[in-house]
């Protein structure tokens, strides 16, 4: 859109209007997507913490030579 505006392929009035609509719709999408991304990051951090705690506190015995 910016390229069409700068090269003069579309009028400045129509270009600004379309660019404004694009920015509004993009921002409407970014709000829920941003919230979902933050939730996924927190879940990944929690899963890594649980895996680390369980890995550090688990005693594992290997039966070597037993068939």
PDB file of N, CA and C in Angstrom:
ATOM      1  N   UNK A   1       0.821  -1.176   0.000  1.00  0.00           N
ATOM      2  CA  UNK A   1       0.000   0.000   0.000  1.00  0.00           C
ATOM      3  C   UNK A   1       0.874   1.253   0.000  1.00  0.00           C
ATOM      4  N   UNK A   2       1.912   1.236   0.801  1.00  0.00           N
ATOM      5  CA  UNK A   2       2.796   2.400   0.853  1.00  0.00           C
ATOM      6  C   UNK A   2       3.510   2.624  -0.476  1.00  0.00           C
ATOM      7  N   UNK A   3       3.829   1.549  -1.156  1.00  0.00           N
ATOM      8  CA  UNK A   3       4.501   1.670  -2.452  1.00  0.00           C
ATOM      9  C   UNK A   3       3.572   2.342  -3.458  1.00  0.00           C
ATOM     10  N   UNK A   4       2.305   1.949  -3.476  1.00  0.00           N
ATOM     11  CA  UNK A   4       1.352   2.570  -4.401  1.00  0.00           C
ATOM     12  C   UNK A   4       1.157   4.043  -4.087  1.00  0.00           C
ATOM     13  N   UNK A   5       1.176   4.385  -2.811  1.00  0.00           N
ATOM     14  CA  UNK A   5       1.044   5.791  -2.436  1.00  0.00           C
ATOM     15  C   UNK A   5       2.247   6.608  -2.897  1.00  0.00           C
ATOM     16  N   UNK A   6       3.441   6.103  -2.656  1.00  0.00           N
ATOM     17  CA  UNK A   6       4.645   6.866  -2.992  1.00  0.00           C
ATOM     18  C   UNK A   6       4.881   6.949  -4.491  1.00  0.00           C
ATOM     19  N   UNK A   7       4.475   5.937  -5.232  1.00  0.00           N
ATOM     20  CA  UNK A   7       4.674   5.986  -6.679  1.00  0.00           C
ATOM     21  C   UNK A   7       3.566   6.742  -7.394  1.00  0.00           C
ATOM     22  N   UNK A   8       2.478   7.036  -6.690  1.00  0.00           N
ATOM     23  CA  UNK A   8       1.407   7.806  -7.287  1.00  0.00           C
ATOM     24  C   UNK A   8       0.406   6.981  -8.076  1.00  0.00           C
ATOM     25  N   UNK A   9       0.382   5.695  -7.896  1.00  0.00           N
ATOM     26  CA  UNK A   9      -0.570   4.836  -8.617  1.00  0.00           C
ATOM     27  C   UNK A   9      -1.994   5.030  -8.121  1.00  0.00           C
ATOM     28  N   UNK A  10      -2.140   5.409  -6.868  1.00  0.00           N
ATOM     29  CA  UNK A  10      -3.471   5.681  -6.327  1.00  0.00           C
ATOM     30  C   UNK A  10      -3.460   7.075  -5.721  1.00  0.00           C
ATOM     31  N   UNK A  11      -4.650   7.658  -5.622  1.00  0.00           N
ATOM     32  CA  UNK A  11      -4.726   9.012  -5.076  1.00  0.00           C
ATOM     33  C   UNK A  11      -4.422   8.992  -3.585  1.00  0.00           C
ATOM     34  N   UNK A  12      -3.971  10.123  -3.106  1.00  0.00           N
ATOM     35  CA  UNK A  12      -3.581  10.233  -1.717  1.00  0.00           C
ATOM     36  C   UNK A  12      -4.777  10.044  -0.787  1.00  0.00           C
ATOM     37  N   UNK A  13      -5.938  10.531  -1.183  1.00  0.00           N
ATOM     38  CA  UNK A  13      -7.139  10.392  -0.350  1.00  0.00           C
ATOM     39  C   UNK A  13      -7.556   8.928  -0.208  1.00  0.00           C
ATOM     40  N   UNK A  14      -7.618   8.200  -1.304  1.00  0.00           N
ATOM     41  CA  UNK A  14      -8.018   6.787  -1.257  1.00  0.00           C
ATOM     42  C   UNK A  14      -6.941   5.937  -0.581  1.00  0.00           C
ATOM     43  N   UNK A  15      -5.712   6.282  -0.795  1.00  0.00           N
ATOM     44  CA  UNK A  15      -4.626   5.523  -0.182  1.00  0.00           C
ATOM     45  C   UNK A  15      -4.604   5.664   1.321  1.00  0.00           C
ATOM     46  N   UNK A  16      -4.805   6.863   1.816  1.00  0.00           N
ATOM     47  CA  UNK A  16      -4.836   7.077   3.263  1.00  0.00           C
ATOM     48  C   UNK A  16      -6.012   6.338   3.899  1.00  0.00           C
ATOM     49  N   UNK A  17      -7.132   6.369   3.217  1.00  0.00           N
ATOM     50  CA  UNK A  17      -8.324   5.698   3.728  1.00  0.00           C
ATOM     51  C   UNK A  17      -8.095   4.189   3.819  1.00  0.00           C
ATOM     52  N   UNK A  18      -7.530   3.620   2.781  1.00  0.00           N
ATOM     53  CA  UNK A  18      -7.261   2.173   2.774  1.00  0.00           C
ATOM     54  C   UNK A  18      -6.186   1.812   3.794  1.00  0.00           C
ATOM     55  N   UNK A  19      -5.173   2.648   3.904  1.00  0.00           N
ATOM     56  CA  UNK A  19      -4.103   2.384   4.867  1.00  0.00           C
ATOM     57  C   UNK A  19      -4.633   2.473   6.297  1.00  0.00           C
ATOM     58  N   UNK A  20      -5.495   3.406   6.559  1.00  0.00           N
ATOM     59  CA  UNK A  20      -6.099   3.540   7.890  1.00  0.00           C
ATOM     60  C   UNK A  20      -6.930   2.302   8.229  1.00  0.00           C
ATOM     61  N   UNK A  21      -7.719   1.830   7.267  1.00  0.00           N
ATOM     62  CA  UNK A  21      -8.516   0.618   7.501  1.00  0.00           C
ATOM     63  C   UNK A  21      -7.629  -0.587   7.776  1.00  0.00           C
ATOM     64  N   UNK A  22      -6.553  -0.689   7.018  1.00  0.00           N
ATOM     65  CA  UNK A  22      -5.628  -1.802   7.205  1.00  0.00           C
ATOM     66  C   UNK A  22      -5.009  -1.768   8.591  1.00  0.00           C
ATOM     67  N   UNK A  23      -4.616  -0.606   9.038  1.00  0.00           N
ATOM     68  CA  UNK A  23      -4.020  -0.475  10.371  1.00  0.00           C
ATOM     69  C   UNK A  23      -5.039  -0.812  11.452  1.00  0.00           C
ATOM     70  N   UNK A  24      -6.263  -0.372  11.295  1.00  0.00           N
ATOM     71  CA  UNK A  24      -7.304  -0.666  12.290  1.00  0.00           C
ATOM     72  C   UNK A  24      -7.567  -2.162  12.374  1.00  0.00           C
ATOM     73  N   UNK A  25      -7.746  -2.819  11.230  1.00  0.00           N
ATOM     74  CA  UNK A  25      -8.027  -4.252  11.248  1.00  0.00           C
ATOM     75  C   UNK A  25      -6.837  -5.061  11.760  1.00  0.00           C
ATOM     76  N   UNK A  26      -5.642  -4.626  11.435  1.00  0.00           N
ATOM     77  CA  UNK A  26      -4.450  -5.318  11.926  1.00  0.00           C
ATOM     78  C   UNK A  26      -4.342  -5.182  13.436  1.00  0.00           C
ATOM     79  N   UNK A  27      -4.612  -3.998  13.952  1.00  0.00           N
ATOM     80  CA  UNK A  27      -4.542  -3.818  15.405  1.00  0.00           C
ATOM     81  C   UNK A  27      -5.629  -4.623  16.112  1.00  0.00           C
ATOM     82  N   UNK A  28      -6.793  -4.762  15.496  1.00  0.00           N
ATOM     83  CA  UNK A  28      -7.845  -5.597  16.089  1.00  0.00           C
ATOM     84  C   UNK A  28      -7.430  -7.061  16.160  1.00  0.00           C
ATOM     85  N   UNK A  29      -6.638  -7.502  15.208  1.00  0.00           N
ATOM     86  CA  UNK A  29      -6.146  -8.887  15.237  1.00  0.00           C
ATOM     87  C   UNK A  29      -4.993  -9.065  16.218  1.00  0.00           C
ATOM     88  N   UNK A  30      -4.182  -8.039  16.383  1.00  0.00           N
ATOM     89  CA  UNK A  30      -3.014  -8.163  17.236  1.00  0.00           C
ATOM     90  C   UNK A  30      -3.379  -8.284  18.718  1.00  0.00           C
ATOM     91  N   UNK A  31      -4.482  -7.719  19.118  1.00  0.00           N
ATOM     92  CA  UNK A  31      -4.863  -7.771  20.531  1.00  0.00           C
ATOM     93  C   UNK A  31      -5.131  -9.217  20.984  1.00  0.00           C
ATOM     94  N   UNK A  32      -6.019  -9.974  20.343  1.00  0.00           N
ATOM     95  CA  UNK A  32      -6.220 -11.355  20.811  1.00  0.00           C
ATOM     96  C   UNK A  32      -5.020 -12.263  20.514  1.00  0.00           C
ATOM     97  N   UNK A  33      -4.336 -12.014  19.406  1.00  0.00           N
ATOM     98  CA  UNK A  33      -3.171 -12.849  19.097  1.00  0.00           C
ATOM     99  C   UNK A  33      -2.042 -12.604  20.090  1.00  0.00           C
ATOM    100  N   UNK A  34      -1.883 -11.384  20.509  1.00  0.00           N
ATOM    101  CA  UNK A  34      -0.860 -11.069  21.511  1.00  0.00           C
ATOM    102  C   UNK A  34      -1.168 -11.735  22.841  1.00  0.00           C
ATOM    103  N   UNK A  35      -2.445 -11.718  23.239  1.00  0.00           N
ATOM    104  CA  UNK A  35      -2.834 -12.390  24.479  1.00  0.00           C
ATOM    105  C   UNK A  35      -2.601 -13.885  24.421  1.00  0.00           C
ATOM    106  N   UNK A  36      -2.919 -14.489  23.298  1.00  0.00           N
ATOM    107  CA  UNK A  36      -2.680 -15.932  23.135  1.00  0.00           C
ATOM    108  C   UNK A  36      -1.195 -16.253  23.151  1.00  0.00           C
ATOM    109  N   UNK A  37      -0.392 -15.391  22.547  1.00  0.00           N
ATOM    110  CA  UNK A  37       1.055 -15.617  22.526  1.00  0.00           C
ATOM    111  C   UNK A  37       1.628 -15.552  23.938  1.00  0.00           C
ATOM    112  N   UNK A  38       1.187 -14.574  24.727  1.00  0.00           N
ATOM    113  CA  UNK A  38       1.667 -14.456  26.104  1.00  0.00           C
ATOM    114  C   UNK A  38       1.271 -15.685  26.909  1.00  0.00           C
ATOM    115  N   UNK A  39       0.049 -16.173  26.712  1.00  0.00           N
ATOM    116  CA  UNK A  39      -0.404 -17.373  27.421  1.00  0.00           C
ATOM    117  C   UNK A  39       0.435 -18.594  27.031  1.00  0.00           C
ATOM    118  N   UNK A  40       0.762 -18.732  25.746  1.00  0.00           N
ATOM    119  CA  UNK A  40       1.589 -19.860  25.300  1.00  0.00           C
ATOM    120  C   UNK A  40       3.002 -19.787  25.873  1.00  0.00           C
ATOM    121  N   UNK A  41       3.552 -18.591  25.963  1.00  0.00           N
ATOM    122  CA  UNK A  41       4.890 -18.439  26.541  1.00  0.00           C
ATOM    123  C   UNK A  41       4.879 -18.839  28.006  1.00  0.00           C
ATOM    124  N   UNK A  42       3.851 -18.419  28.732  1.00  0.00           N
ATOM    125  CA  UNK A  42       3.757 -18.792  30.150  1.00  0.00           C
ATOM    126  C   UNK A  42       3.591 -20.292  30.324  1.00  0.00           C
ATOM    127  N   UNK A  43       2.806 -20.922  29.463  1.00  0.00           N
ATOM    128  CA  UNK A  43       2.635 -22.372  29.542  1.00  0.00           C
ATOM    129  C   UNK A  43       3.950 -23.085  29.258  1.00  0.00           C
ATOM    130  N   UNK A  44       4.705 -22.592  28.287  1.00  0.00           N
ATOM    131  CA  UNK A  44       5.996 -23.214  27.971  1.00  0.00           C
ATOM    132  C   UNK A  44       6.967 -23.054  29.130  1.00  0.00           C
ATOM    133  N   UNK A  45       6.963 -21.886  29.775  1.00  0.00           N
ATOM    134  CA  UNK A  45       7.834 -21.681  30.931  1.00  0.00           C
ATOM    135  C   UNK A  45       7.443 -22.605  32.074  1.00  0.00           C
ATOM    136  N   UNK A  46       6.149 -22.765  32.298  1.00  0.00           N
ATOM    137  CA  UNK A  46       5.681 -23.658  33.360  1.00  0.00           C
ATOM    138  C   UNK A  46       6.052 -25.104  33.062  1.00  0.00           C
ATOM    139  N   UNK A  47       5.888 -25.530  31.817  1.00  0.00           N
ATOM    140  CA  UNK A  47       6.243 -26.902  31.444  1.00  0.00           C
ATOM    141  C   UNK A  47       7.740 -27.146  31.620  1.00  0.00           C
ATOM    142  N   UNK A  48       8.554 -26.173  31.265  1.00  0.00           N
ATOM    143  CA  UNK A  48      10.000 -26.320  31.438  1.00  0.00           C
ATOM    144  C   UNK A  48      10.363 -26.381  32.915  1.00  0.00           C
ATOM    145  N   UNK A  49       9.701 -25.578  33.731  1.00  0.00           N
ATOM    146  CA  UNK A  49       9.965 -25.593  35.166  1.00  0.00           C
ATOM    147  C   UNK A  49       9.558 -26.927  35.783  1.00  0.00           C
ATOM    148  N   UNK A  50       8.396 -27.443  35.403  1.00  0.00           N
ATOM    149  CA  UNK A  50       7.944 -28.740  35.928  1.00  0.00           C
ATOM    150  C   UNK A  50       8.900 -29.853  35.506  1.00  0.00           C
ATOM    151  N   UNK A  51       9.328 -29.823  34.260  1.00  0.00           N
ATOM    152  CA  UNK A  51      10.263 -30.846  33.778  1.00  0.00           C
ATOM    153  C   UNK A  51      11.590 -30.759  34.529  1.00  0.00           C
ATOM    154  N   UNK A  52      12.047 -29.563  34.797  1.00  0.00           N
ATOM    155  CA  UNK A  52      13.310 -29.388  35.518  1.00  0.00           C
ATOM    156  C   UNK A  52      13.181 -29.883  36.955  1.00  0.00           C
ATOM    157  N   UNK A  53      12.086 -29.539  37.620  1.00  0.00           N
ATOM    158  CA  UNK A  53      11.890 -29.961  39.010  1.00  0.00           C
ATOM    159  C   UNK A  53      11.760 -31.470  39.092  1.00  0.00           C
ATOM    160  N   UNK A  54      10.983 -32.066  38.210  1.00  0.00           N
ATOM    161  CA  UNK A  54      10.820 -33.517  38.241  1.00  0.00           C
ATOM    162  C   UNK A  54      12.111 -34.229  37.870  1.00  0.00           C
ATOM    163  N   UNK A  55      12.878 -33.665  36.979  1.00  0.00           N
ATOM    164  CA  UNK A  55      14.145 -34.289  36.587  1.00  0.00           C
ATOM    165  C   UNK A  55      15.186 -34.220  37.676  1.00  0.00           C
ATOM    166  N   UNK A  56      15.174 -33.151  38.439  1.00  0.00           N
ATOM    167  CA  UNK A  56      16.172 -32.989  39.505  1.00  0.00           C
ATOM    168  C   UNK A  56      15.838 -33.804  40.746  1.00  0.00           C
ATOM    169  N   UNK A  57      14.565 -34.039  41.007  1.00  0.00           N
ATOM    170  CA  UNK A  57      14.168 -34.712  42.246  1.00  0.00           C
ATOM    171  C   UNK A  57      13.831 -36.184  42.058  1.00  0.00           C
ATOM    172  N   UNK A  58      14.011 -36.705  40.874  1.00  0.00           N
ATOM    173  CA  UNK A  58      13.691 -38.105  40.611  1.00  0.00           C
ATOM    174  C   UNK A  58      14.971 -38.934  40.683  1.00  0.00           C
ATOM    175  N   UNK A  59      14.900 -40.009  41.435  1.00  0.00           N
ATOM    176  CA  UNK A  59      16.038 -40.923  41.541  1.00  0.00           C
ATOM    177  C   UNK A  59      15.717 -42.106  40.646  1.00  0.00           C
ATOM    178  N   UNK A  60      16.592 -42.381  39.705  1.00  0.00           N
ATOM    179  CA  UNK A  60      16.374 -43.449  38.756  1.00  0.00           C
ATOM    180  C   UNK A  60      17.406 -44.545  38.981  1.00  0.00           C
ATOM    181  N   UNK A  61      16.933 -45.789  39.041  1.00  0.00           N
ATOM    182  CA  UNK A  61      17.806 -46.938  39.202  1.00  0.00           C
ATOM    183  C   UNK A  61      17.859 -47.707  37.902  1.00  0.00           C
ATOM    184  N   UNK A  62      19.037 -47.973  37.432  1.00  0.00           N
ATOM    185  CA  UNK A  62      19.207 -48.757  36.211  1.00  0.00           C
ATOM    186  C   UNK A  62      19.596 -50.186  36.588  1.00  0.00           C
ATOM    187  N   UNK A  63      18.880 -51.133  36.032  1.00  0.00           N
ATOM    188  CA  UNK A  63      19.175 -52.539  36.270  1.00  0.00           C
ATOM    189  C   UNK A  63      20.151 -52.998  35.201  1.00  0.00           C
ATOM    190  N   UNK A  64      21.407 -53.008  35.536  1.00  0.00           N
ATOM    191  CA  UNK A  64      22.405 -53.417  34.555  1.00  0.00           C
ATOM    192  C   UNK A  64      22.686 -54.913  34.662  1.00  0.00           C
ATOM    193  N   UNK A  65      22.695 -55.572  33.545  1.00  0.00           N
ATOM    194  CA  UNK A  65      23.019 -56.984  33.498  1.00  0.00           C
ATOM    195  C   UNK A  65      21.845 -57.901  33.814  1.00  0.00           C
ATOM    196  N   UNK A  66      20.687 -57.387  34.070  1.00  0.00           N
ATOM    197  CA  UNK A  66      19.527 -58.240  34.369  1.00  0.00           C
ATOM    198  C   UNK A  66      18.708 -58.380  33.105  1.00  0.00           C
ATOM    199  N   UNK A  67      18.409 -59.600  32.705  1.00  0.00           N
ATOM    200  CA  UNK A  67      17.637 -59.845  31.486  1.00  0.00           C
ATOM    201  C   UNK A  67      16.209 -60.102  31.785  1.00  0.00           C
TER     202      UNK A  67
END
